[in-house]
């Protein structure tokens, strides 16, 4: 894997079969806040859904990798996950319709 912002990706190519090479549009470091993750990944999807387009959010990862925390969030102030944040945007957007 390599950071997509690296200006010299060719220097990091391996001899791995092409079927095993992945490209990432963004890599989130471990200290990423829930709000930033939501803004960059889920909010555009929610906006598309509100405009009548289909949307799918798919999570994948090994057990105990943080999927549930990312979706649900924590109990501390500001630690809401992407599900409560998405519902908040949806219900605040349809208010008064």
PDB file of N, CA and C in Angstrom:
ATOM      1  N   UNK A   1       0.839  -1.174   0.000  1.00  0.00           N
ATOM      2  CA  UNK A   1       0.000   0.000   0.000  1.00  0.00           C
ATOM      3  C   UNK A   1       0.881   1.233   0.000  1.00  0.00           C
ATOM      4  N   UNK A   2       0.348   2.273  -0.582  1.00  0.00           N
ATOM      5  CA  UNK A   2       1.079   3.529  -0.550  1.00  0.00           C
ATOM      6  C   UNK A   2       0.101   4.678  -0.382  1.00  0.00           C
ATOM      7  N   UNK A   3       0.588   5.756   0.170  1.00  0.00           N
ATOM      8  CA  UNK A   3      -0.199   6.953   0.386  1.00  0.00           C
ATOM      9  C   UNK A   3      -0.519   7.575  -0.971  1.00  0.00           C
ATOM     10  N   UNK A   4      -1.817   7.858  -1.277  1.00  0.00           N
ATOM     11  CA  UNK A   4      -2.162   8.400  -2.588  1.00  0.00           C
ATOM     12  C   UNK A   4      -1.601   9.798  -2.827  1.00  0.00           C
ATOM     13  N   UNK A   5      -1.204  10.499  -1.763  1.00  0.00           N
ATOM     14  CA  UNK A   5      -0.646  11.837  -1.947  1.00  0.00           C
ATOM     15  C   UNK A   5       0.845  11.804  -2.268  1.00  0.00           C
ATOM     16  N   UNK A   6       1.437  10.610  -2.256  1.00  0.00           N
ATOM     17  CA  UNK A   6       2.852  10.462  -2.570  1.00  0.00           C
ATOM     18  C   UNK A   6       3.070  10.819  -4.030  1.00  0.00           C
ATOM     19  N   UNK A   7       4.014  11.685  -4.306  1.00  0.00           N
ATOM     20  CA  UNK A   7       4.225  12.144  -5.676  1.00  0.00           C
ATOM     21  C   UNK A   7       5.040  11.167  -6.528  1.00  0.00           C
ATOM     22  N   UNK A   8       5.591  10.123  -5.915  1.00  0.00           N
ATOM     23  CA  UNK A   8       6.391   9.155  -6.658  1.00  0.00           C
ATOM     24  C   UNK A   8       5.886   7.739  -6.441  1.00  0.00           C
ATOM     25  N   UNK A   9       4.628   7.445  -6.860  1.00  0.00           N
ATOM     26  CA  UNK A   9       4.093   6.108  -6.607  1.00  0.00           C
ATOM     27  C   UNK A   9       4.825   5.007  -7.360  1.00  0.00           C
ATOM     28  N   UNK A  10       5.436   5.330  -8.502  1.00  0.00           N
ATOM     29  CA  UNK A  10       6.098   4.281  -9.283  1.00  0.00           C
ATOM     30  C   UNK A  10       7.291   3.688  -8.535  1.00  0.00           C
ATOM     31  N   UNK A  11       7.871   4.449  -7.621  1.00  0.00           N
ATOM     32  CA  UNK A  11       9.006   3.926  -6.878  1.00  0.00           C
ATOM     33  C   UNK A  11       8.571   2.897  -5.843  1.00  0.00           C
ATOM     34  N   UNK A  12       7.266   2.751  -5.636  1.00  0.00           N
ATOM     35  CA  UNK A  12       6.764   1.830  -4.626  1.00  0.00           C
ATOM     36  C   UNK A  12       6.033   0.640  -5.233  1.00  0.00           C
ATOM     37  N   UNK A  13       6.081   0.503  -6.546  1.00  0.00           N
ATOM     38  CA  UNK A  13       5.406  -0.617  -7.184  1.00  0.00           C
ATOM     39  C   UNK A  13       6.118  -1.913  -6.828  1.00  0.00           C
ATOM     40  N   UNK A  14       5.340  -2.953  -6.679  1.00  0.00           N
ATOM     41  CA  UNK A  14       5.920  -4.249  -6.351  1.00  0.00           C
ATOM     42  C   UNK A  14       5.690  -5.211  -7.503  1.00  0.00           C
ATOM     43  N   UNK A  15       6.200  -6.400  -7.348  1.00  0.00           N
ATOM     44  CA  UNK A  15       6.022  -7.416  -8.377  1.00  0.00           C
ATOM     45  C   UNK A  15       4.776  -8.255  -8.110  1.00  0.00           C
ATOM     46  N   UNK A  16       3.874  -7.774  -7.273  1.00  0.00           N
ATOM     47  CA  UNK A  16       2.648  -8.493  -6.946  1.00  0.00           C
ATOM     48  C   UNK A  16       1.740  -8.510  -8.173  1.00  0.00           C
ATOM     49  N   UNK A  17       1.039  -9.606  -8.366  1.00  0.00           N
ATOM     50  CA  UNK A  17       0.083  -9.742  -9.454  1.00  0.00           C
ATOM     51  C   UNK A  17      -0.892  -8.572  -9.424  1.00  0.00           C
ATOM     52  N   UNK A  18      -1.250  -7.998 -10.580  1.00  0.00           N
ATOM     53  CA  UNK A  18      -2.151  -6.845 -10.653  1.00  0.00           C
ATOM     54  C   UNK A  18      -3.485  -7.067  -9.954  1.00  0.00           C
ATOM     55  N   UNK A  19      -3.957  -8.298  -9.849  1.00  0.00           N
ATOM     56  CA  UNK A  19      -5.231  -8.550  -9.195  1.00  0.00           C
ATOM     57  C   UNK A  19      -5.159  -8.268  -7.698  1.00  0.00           C
ATOM     58  N   UNK A  20      -3.949  -8.081  -7.164  1.00  0.00           N
ATOM     59  CA  UNK A  20      -3.782  -7.816  -5.742  1.00  0.00           C
ATOM     60  C   UNK A  20      -3.341  -6.381  -5.466  1.00  0.00           C
ATOM     61  N   UNK A  21      -3.325  -5.518  -6.482  1.00  0.00           N
ATOM     62  CA  UNK A  21      -2.917  -4.129  -6.303  1.00  0.00           C
ATOM     63  C   UNK A  21      -4.174  -3.283  -6.127  1.00  0.00           C
ATOM     64  N   UNK A  22      -4.180  -2.470  -5.081  1.00  0.00           N
ATOM     65  CA  UNK A  22      -5.344  -1.641  -4.765  1.00  0.00           C
ATOM     66  C   UNK A  22      -4.964  -0.166  -4.829  1.00  0.00           C
ATOM     67  N   UNK A  23      -5.910   0.646  -5.229  1.00  0.00           N
ATOM     68  CA  UNK A  23      -5.714   2.089  -5.263  1.00  0.00           C
ATOM     69  C   UNK A  23      -6.667   2.723  -4.276  1.00  0.00           C
ATOM     70  N   UNK A  24      -6.165   3.637  -3.484  1.00  0.00           N
ATOM     71  CA  UNK A  24      -6.979   4.304  -2.479  1.00  0.00           C
ATOM     72  C   UNK A  24      -7.077   5.788  -2.815  1.00  0.00           C
ATOM     73  N   UNK A  25      -8.269   6.350  -2.652  1.00  0.00           N
ATOM     74  CA  UNK A  25      -8.432   7.778  -2.893  1.00  0.00           C
ATOM     75  C   UNK A  25      -8.057   8.588  -1.661  1.00  0.00           C
ATOM     76  N   UNK A  26      -8.117   7.968  -0.499  1.00  0.00           N
ATOM     77  CA  UNK A  26      -7.742   8.658   0.736  1.00  0.00           C
ATOM     78  C   UNK A  26      -7.458   7.619   1.816  1.00  0.00           C
ATOM     79  N   UNK A  27      -6.491   7.910   2.643  1.00  0.00           N
ATOM     80  CA  UNK A  27      -6.175   7.050   3.775  1.00  0.00           C
ATOM     81  C   UNK A  27      -6.367   7.874   5.033  1.00  0.00           C
ATOM     82  N   UNK A  28      -7.196   7.382   5.944  1.00  0.00           N
ATOM     83  CA  UNK A  28      -7.468   8.087   7.192  1.00  0.00           C
ATOM     84  C   UNK A  28      -6.534   7.588   8.280  1.00  0.00           C
ATOM     85  N   UNK A  29      -5.792   8.487   8.912  1.00  0.00           N
ATOM     86  CA  UNK A  29      -4.928   8.064  10.011  1.00  0.00           C
ATOM     87  C   UNK A  29      -5.760   7.692  11.239  1.00  0.00           C
ATOM     88  N   UNK A  30      -5.194   6.951  12.185  1.00  0.00           N
ATOM     89  CA  UNK A  30      -5.947   6.502  13.362  1.00  0.00           C
ATOM     90  C   UNK A  30      -6.546   7.641  14.191  1.00  0.00           C
ATOM     91  N   UNK A  31      -5.936   8.812  14.170  1.00  0.00           N
ATOM     92  CA  UNK A  31      -6.448   9.918  14.990  1.00  0.00           C
ATOM     93  C   UNK A  31      -7.568  10.707  14.320  1.00  0.00           C
ATOM     94  N   UNK A  32      -8.076  10.246  13.181  1.00  0.00           N
ATOM     95  CA  UNK A  32      -9.167  10.921  12.486  1.00  0.00           C
ATOM     96  C   UNK A  32     -10.406  10.979  13.377  1.00  0.00           C
ATOM     97  N   UNK A  33     -11.007  12.154  13.444  1.00  0.00           N
ATOM     98  CA  UNK A  33     -12.225  12.350  14.235  1.00  0.00           C
ATOM     99  C   UNK A  33     -13.435  11.822  13.456  1.00  0.00           C
ATOM    100  N   UNK A  34     -14.466  11.408  14.203  1.00  0.00           N
ATOM    101  CA  UNK A  34     -15.697  10.898  13.579  1.00  0.00           C
ATOM    102  C   UNK A  34     -16.284  11.933  12.617  1.00  0.00           C
ATOM    103  N   UNK A  35     -16.276  13.205  13.016  1.00  0.00           N
ATOM    104  CA  UNK A  35     -16.878  14.247  12.181  1.00  0.00           C
ATOM    105  C   UNK A  35     -16.156  14.371  10.840  1.00  0.00           C
ATOM    106  N   UNK A  36     -14.832  14.323  10.850  1.00  0.00           N
ATOM    107  CA  UNK A  36     -14.068  14.421   9.604  1.00  0.00           C
ATOM    108  C   UNK A  36     -14.335  13.213   8.712  1.00  0.00           C
ATOM    109  N   UNK A  37     -14.364  12.032   9.311  1.00  0.00           N
ATOM    110  CA  UNK A  37     -14.633  10.820   8.538  1.00  0.00           C
ATOM    111  C   UNK A  37     -16.015  10.894   7.886  1.00  0.00           C
ATOM    112  N   UNK A  38     -17.013  11.336   8.646  1.00  0.00           N
ATOM    113  CA  UNK A  38     -18.367  11.476   8.112  1.00  0.00           C
ATOM    114  C   UNK A  38     -18.393  12.473   6.953  1.00  0.00           C
ATOM    115  N   UNK A  39     -17.772  13.622   7.147  1.00  0.00           N
ATOM    116  CA  UNK A  39     -17.784  14.675   6.117  1.00  0.00           C
ATOM    117  C   UNK A  39     -17.175  14.184   4.801  1.00  0.00           C
ATOM    118  N   UNK A  40     -16.113  13.400   4.878  1.00  0.00           N
ATOM    119  CA  UNK A  40     -15.402  12.982   3.670  1.00  0.00           C
ATOM    120  C   UNK A  40     -15.974  11.739   3.015  1.00  0.00           C
ATOM    121  N   UNK A  41     -16.686  10.905   3.791  1.00  0.00           N
ATOM    122  CA  UNK A  41     -17.133   9.623   3.226  1.00  0.00           C
ATOM    123  C   UNK A  41     -18.637   9.510   3.065  1.00  0.00           C
ATOM    124  N   UNK A  42     -19.393   9.908   4.063  1.00  0.00           N
ATOM    125  CA  UNK A  42     -20.817   9.607   4.106  1.00  0.00           C
ATOM    126  C   UNK A  42     -21.707  10.782   3.726  1.00  0.00           C
ATOM    127  N   UNK A  43     -21.322  11.990   4.086  1.00  0.00           N
ATOM    128  CA  UNK A  43     -22.156  13.152   3.786  1.00  0.00           C
ATOM    129  C   UNK A  43     -22.454  13.300   2.294  1.00  0.00           C
ATOM    130  N   UNK A  44     -21.463  13.135   1.401  1.00  0.00           N
ATOM    131  CA  UNK A  44     -21.796  13.207  -0.031  1.00  0.00           C
ATOM    132  C   UNK A  44     -22.816  12.140  -0.450  1.00  0.00           C
ATOM    133  N   UNK A  45     -22.723  10.956   0.123  1.00  0.00           N
ATOM    134  CA  UNK A  45     -23.665   9.881  -0.170  1.00  0.00           C
ATOM    135  C   UNK A  45     -25.070  10.247   0.317  1.00  0.00           C
ATOM    136  N   UNK A  46     -25.171  10.802   1.524  1.00  0.00           N
ATOM    137  CA  UNK A  46     -26.468  11.210   2.078  1.00  0.00           C
ATOM    138  C   UNK A  46     -27.080  12.312   1.214  1.00  0.00           C
ATOM    139  N   UNK A  47     -26.279  13.259   0.785  1.00  0.00           N
ATOM    140  CA  UNK A  47     -26.787  14.331  -0.084  1.00  0.00           C
ATOM    141  C   UNK A  47     -27.320  13.760  -1.395  1.00  0.00           C
ATOM    142  N   UNK A  48     -26.621  12.783  -1.962  1.00  0.00           N
ATOM    143  CA  UNK A  48     -27.100  12.133  -3.185  1.00  0.00           C
ATOM    144  C   UNK A  48     -28.442  11.457  -2.946  1.00  0.00           C
ATOM    145  N   UNK A  49     -28.599  10.771  -1.830  1.00  0.00           N
ATOM    146  CA  UNK A  49     -29.855  10.091  -1.512  1.00  0.00           C
ATOM    147  C   UNK A  49     -30.991  11.115  -1.381  1.00  0.00           C
ATOM    148  N   UNK A  50     -30.703  12.240  -0.743  1.00  0.00           N
ATOM    149  CA  UNK A  50     -31.718  13.283  -0.590  1.00  0.00           C
ATOM    150  C   UNK A  50     -32.133  13.890  -1.929  1.00  0.00           C
ATOM    151  N   UNK A  51     -31.279  13.761  -2.937  1.00  0.00           N
ATOM    152  CA  UNK A  51     -31.598  14.252  -4.281  1.00  0.00           C
ATOM    153  C   UNK A  51     -32.213  13.161  -5.157  1.00  0.00           C
ATOM    154  N   UNK A  52     -32.528  12.012  -4.562  1.00  0.00           N
ATOM    155  CA  UNK A  52     -33.228  10.965  -5.283  1.00  0.00           C
ATOM    156  C   UNK A  52     -32.358   9.882  -5.888  1.00  0.00           C
ATOM    157  N   UNK A  53     -31.074   9.937  -5.652  1.00  0.00           N
ATOM    158  CA  UNK A  53     -30.201   8.894  -6.183  1.00  0.00           C
ATOM    159  C   UNK A  53     -30.115   7.736  -5.189  1.00  0.00           C
ATOM    160  N   UNK A  54     -29.736   6.584  -5.684  1.00  0.00           N
ATOM    161  CA  UNK A  54     -29.507   5.429  -4.816  1.00  0.00           C
ATOM    162  C   UNK A  54     -28.177   5.601  -4.091  1.00  0.00           C
ATOM    163  N   UNK A  55     -28.076   4.983  -2.935  1.00  0.00           N
ATOM    164  CA  UNK A  55     -26.829   5.048  -2.193  1.00  0.00           C
ATOM    165  C   UNK A  55     -26.599   3.759  -1.422  1.00  0.00           C
ATOM    166  N   UNK A  56     -25.346   3.411  -1.252  1.00  0.00           N
ATOM    167  CA  UNK A  56     -24.975   2.231  -0.498  1.00  0.00           C
ATOM    168  C   UNK A  56     -23.702   2.532   0.269  1.00  0.00           C
ATOM    169  N   UNK A  57     -23.731   2.247   1.541  1.00  0.00           N
ATOM    170  CA  UNK A  57     -22.538   2.352   2.367  1.00  0.00           C
ATOM    171  C   UNK A  57     -22.171   0.939   2.780  1.00  0.00           C
ATOM    172  N   UNK A  58     -20.984   0.516   2.417  1.00  0.00           N
ATOM    173  CA  UNK A  58     -20.537  -0.850   2.662  1.00  0.00           C
ATOM    174  C   UNK A  58     -19.313  -0.802   3.551  1.00  0.00           C
ATOM    175  N   UNK A  59     -19.339  -1.559   4.638  1.00  0.00           N
ATOM    176  CA  UNK A  59     -18.156  -1.642   5.492  1.00  0.00           C
ATOM    177  C   UNK A  59     -17.622  -3.065   5.447  1.00  0.00           C
ATOM    178  N   UNK A  60     -16.327  -3.158   5.495  1.00  0.00           N
ATOM    179  CA  UNK A  60     -15.683  -4.453   5.417  1.00  0.00           C
ATOM    180  C   UNK A  60     -14.415  -4.395   6.245  1.00  0.00           C
ATOM    181  N   UNK A  61     -14.152  -5.416   6.984  1.00  0.00           N
ATOM    182  CA  UNK A  61     -12.923  -5.458   7.757  1.00  0.00           C
ATOM    183  C   UNK A  61     -12.913  -6.658   8.681  1.00  0.00           C
ATOM    184  N   UNK A  62     -11.758  -6.934   9.214  1.00  0.00           N
ATOM    185  CA  UNK A  62     -11.620  -8.050  10.120  1.00  0.00           C
ATOM    186  C   UNK A  62     -12.328  -7.744  11.434  1.00  0.00           C
ATOM    187  N   UNK A  63     -12.630  -8.781  12.185  1.00  0.00           N
ATOM    188  CA  UNK A  63     -13.262  -8.639  13.488  1.00  0.00           C
ATOM    189  C   UNK A  63     -12.408  -7.748  14.381  1.00  0.00           C
ATOM    190  N   UNK A  64     -13.071  -6.871  15.109  1.00  0.00           N
ATOM    191  CA  UNK A  64     -12.429  -5.981  16.079  1.00  0.00           C
ATOM    192  C   UNK A  64     -11.561  -4.907  15.424  1.00  0.00           C
ATOM    193  N   UNK A  65     -11.934  -4.506  14.196  1.00  0.00           N
ATOM    194  CA  UNK A  65     -11.151  -3.477  13.504  1.00  0.00           C
ATOM    195  C   UNK A  65     -11.770  -2.086  13.629  1.00  0.00           C
ATOM    196  N   UNK A  66     -12.937  -1.971  14.255  1.00  0.00           N
ATOM    197  CA  UNK A  66     -13.529  -0.662  14.489  1.00  0.00           C
ATOM    198  C   UNK A  66     -14.749  -0.332  13.651  1.00  0.00           C
ATOM    199  N   UNK A  67     -15.308  -1.305  12.941  1.00  0.00           N
ATOM    200  CA  UNK A  67     -16.466  -1.035  12.093  1.00  0.00           C
ATOM    201  C   UNK A  67     -17.669  -0.558  12.904  1.00  0.00           C
ATOM    202  N   UNK A  68     -17.972  -1.223  14.003  1.00  0.00           N
ATOM    203  CA  UNK A  68     -19.129  -0.854  14.825  1.00  0.00           C
ATOM    204  C   UNK A  68     -18.946   0.537  15.401  1.00  0.00           C
ATOM    205  N   UNK A  69     -17.759   0.854  15.891  1.00  0.00           N
ATOM    206  CA  UNK A  69     -17.500   2.188  16.430  1.00  0.00           C
ATOM    207  C   UNK A  69     -17.657   3.249  15.346  1.00  0.00           C
ATOM    208  N   UNK A  70     -17.172   2.967  14.152  1.00  0.00           N
ATOM    209  CA  UNK A  70     -17.296   3.923  13.056  1.00  0.00           C
ATOM    210  C   UNK A  70     -18.757   4.157  12.690  1.00  0.00           C
ATOM    211  N   UNK A  71     -19.559   3.101  12.688  1.00  0.00           N
ATOM    212  CA  UNK A  71     -20.970   3.226  12.326  1.00  0.00           C
ATOM    213  C   UNK A  71     -21.781   3.841  13.461  1.00  0.00           C
ATOM    214  N   UNK A  72     -21.636   3.338  14.674  1.00  0.00           N
ATOM    215  CA  UNK A  72     -22.464   3.793  15.791  1.00  0.00           C
ATOM    216  C   UNK A  72     -21.858   4.962  16.547  1.00  0.00           C
ATOM    217  N   UNK A  73     -20.568   4.948  16.714  1.00  0.00           N
ATOM    218  CA  UNK A  73     -19.889   5.989  17.465  1.00  0.00           C
ATOM    219  C   UNK A  73     -19.749   5.635  18.926  1.00  0.00           C
ATOM    220  N   UNK A  74     -19.262   6.597  19.681  1.00  0.00           N
ATOM    221  CA  UNK A  74     -19.056   6.414  21.112  1.00  0.00           C
ATOM    222  C   UNK A  74     -20.090   7.187  21.912  1.00  0.00           C
ATOM    223  N   UNK A  75     -19.938   7.156  23.220  1.00  0.00           N
ATOM    224  CA  UNK A  75     -20.902   7.817  24.103  1.00  0.00           C
ATOM    225  C   UNK A  75     -20.492   9.232  24.475  1.00  0.00           C
ATOM    226  N   UNK A  76     -19.249   9.595  24.238  1.00  0.00           N
ATOM    227  CA  UNK A  76     -18.777  10.938  24.588  1.00  0.00           C
ATOM    228  C   UNK A  76     -19.330  11.972  23.598  1.00  0.00           C
ATOM    229  N   UNK A  77     -19.418  13.202  24.064  1.00  0.00           N
ATOM    230  CA  UNK A  77     -19.878  14.322  23.239  1.00  0.00           C
ATOM    231  C   UNK A  77     -19.032  14.421  21.966  1.00  0.00           C
ATOM    232  N   UNK A  78     -19.675  14.510  20.800  1.00  0.00           N
ATOM    233  CA  UNK A  78     -18.967  14.654  19.539  1.00  0.00           C
ATOM    234  C   UNK A  78     -18.455  13.365  18.935  1.00  0.00           C
ATOM    235  N   UNK A  79     -18.736  12.222  19.561  1.00  0.00           N
ATOM    236  CA  UNK A  79     -18.250  10.934  19.051  1.00  0.00           C
ATOM    237  C   UNK A  79     -19.316  10.131  18.330  1.00  0.00           C
ATOM    238  N   UNK A  80     -20.382  10.781  17.897  1.00  0.00           N
ATOM    239  CA  UNK A  80     -21.418  10.067  17.153  1.00  0.00           C
ATOM    240  C   UNK A  80     -20.808   9.491  15.881  1.00  0.00           C
ATOM    241  N   UNK A  81     -21.240   8.296  15.519  1.00  0.00           N
ATOM    242  CA  UNK A  81     -20.739   7.652  14.315  1.00  0.00           C
ATOM    243  C   UNK A  81     -21.473   8.124  13.079  1.00  0.00           C
ATOM    244  N   UNK A  82     -21.215   7.453  11.963  1.00  0.00           N
ATOM    245  CA  UNK A  82     -21.800   7.909  10.714  1.00  0.00           C
ATOM    246  C   UNK A  82     -23.305   7.647  10.632  1.00  0.00           C
ATOM    247  N   UNK A  83     -23.820   6.634  11.314  1.00  0.00           N
ATOM    248  CA  UNK A  83     -25.259   6.382  11.269  1.00  0.00           C
ATOM    249  C   UNK A  83     -26.051   7.494  11.960  1.00  0.00           C
ATOM    250  N   UNK A  84     -25.757   7.847  13.218  1.00  0.00           N
ATOM    251  CA  UNK A  84     -26.521   8.946  13.814  1.00  0.00           C
ATOM    252  C   UNK A  84     -26.306  10.274  13.094  1.00  0.00           C
ATOM    253  N   UNK A  85     -25.134  10.501  12.569  1.00  0.00           N
ATOM    254  CA  UNK A  85     -24.882  11.742  11.822  1.00  0.00           C
ATOM    255  C   UNK A  85     -25.698  11.772  10.525  1.00  0.00           C
ATOM    256  N   UNK A  86     -25.768  10.630   9.835  1.00  0.00           N
ATOM    257  CA  UNK A  86     -26.542  10.565   8.595  1.00  0.00           C
ATOM    258  C   UNK A  86     -28.031  10.775   8.884  1.00  0.00           C
ATOM    259  N   UNK A  87     -28.532  10.133   9.927  1.00  0.00           N
ATOM    260  CA  UNK A  87     -29.944  10.314  10.289  1.00  0.00           C
ATOM    261  C   UNK A  87     -30.232  11.762  10.663  1.00  0.00           C
ATOM    262  N   UNK A  88     -29.308  12.405  11.345  1.00  0.00           N
ATOM    263  CA  UNK A  88     -29.462  13.809  11.711  1.00  0.00           C
ATOM    264  C   UNK A  88     -29.587  14.684  10.459  1.00  0.00           C
ATOM    265  N   UNK A  89     -28.716  14.455   9.489  1.00  0.00           N
ATOM    266  CA  UNK A  89     -28.763  15.229   8.238  1.00  0.00           C
ATOM    267  C   UNK A  89     -30.080  14.962   7.515  1.00  0.00           C
ATOM    268  N   UNK A  90     -30.495  13.711   7.442  1.00  0.00           N
ATOM    269  CA  UNK A  90     -31.733  13.367   6.731  1.00  0.00           C
ATOM    270  C   UNK A  90     -32.943  14.017   7.389  1.00  0.00           C
ATOM    271  N   UNK A  91     -33.091  13.848   8.699  1.00  0.00           N
ATOM    272  CA  UNK A  91     -34.266  14.398   9.359  1.00  0.00           C
ATOM    273  C   UNK A  91     -34.264  15.916   9.397  1.00  0.00           C
ATOM    274  N   UNK A  92     -33.109  16.531   9.503  1.00  0.00           N
ATOM    275  CA  UNK A  92     -33.053  17.990   9.448  1.00  0.00           C
ATOM    276  C   UNK A  92     -33.299  18.524   8.042  1.00  0.00           C
ATOM    277  N   UNK A  93     -33.025  17.722   7.035  1.00  0.00           N
ATOM    278  CA  UNK A  93     -33.250  18.134   5.651  1.00  0.00           C
ATOM    279  C   UNK A  93     -34.702  18.006   5.221  1.00  0.00           C
ATOM    280  N   UNK A  94     -35.433  17.062   5.791  1.00  0.00           N
ATOM    281  CA  UNK A  94     -36.828  16.870   5.378  1.00  0.00           C
ATOM    282  C   UNK A  94     -37.809  17.607   6.276  1.00  0.00           C
ATOM    283  N   UNK A  95     -37.312  18.239   7.325  1.00  0.00           N
ATOM    284  CA  UNK A  95     -38.167  18.995   8.229  1.00  0.00           C
ATOM    285  C   UNK A  95     -38.934  20.065   7.437  1.00  0.00           C
ATOM    286  N   UNK A  96     -40.231  20.062   7.546  1.00  0.00           N
ATOM    287  CA  UNK A  96     -41.063  21.046   6.886  1.00  0.00           C
ATOM    288  C   UNK A  96     -41.515  20.667   5.488  1.00  0.00           C
ATOM    289  N   UNK A  97     -41.092  19.523   4.993  1.00  0.00           N
ATOM    290  CA  UNK A  97     -41.540  19.097   3.655  1.00  0.00           C
ATOM    291  C   UNK A  97     -42.916  18.481   3.729  1.00  0.00           C
TER     292      UNK A  97
END
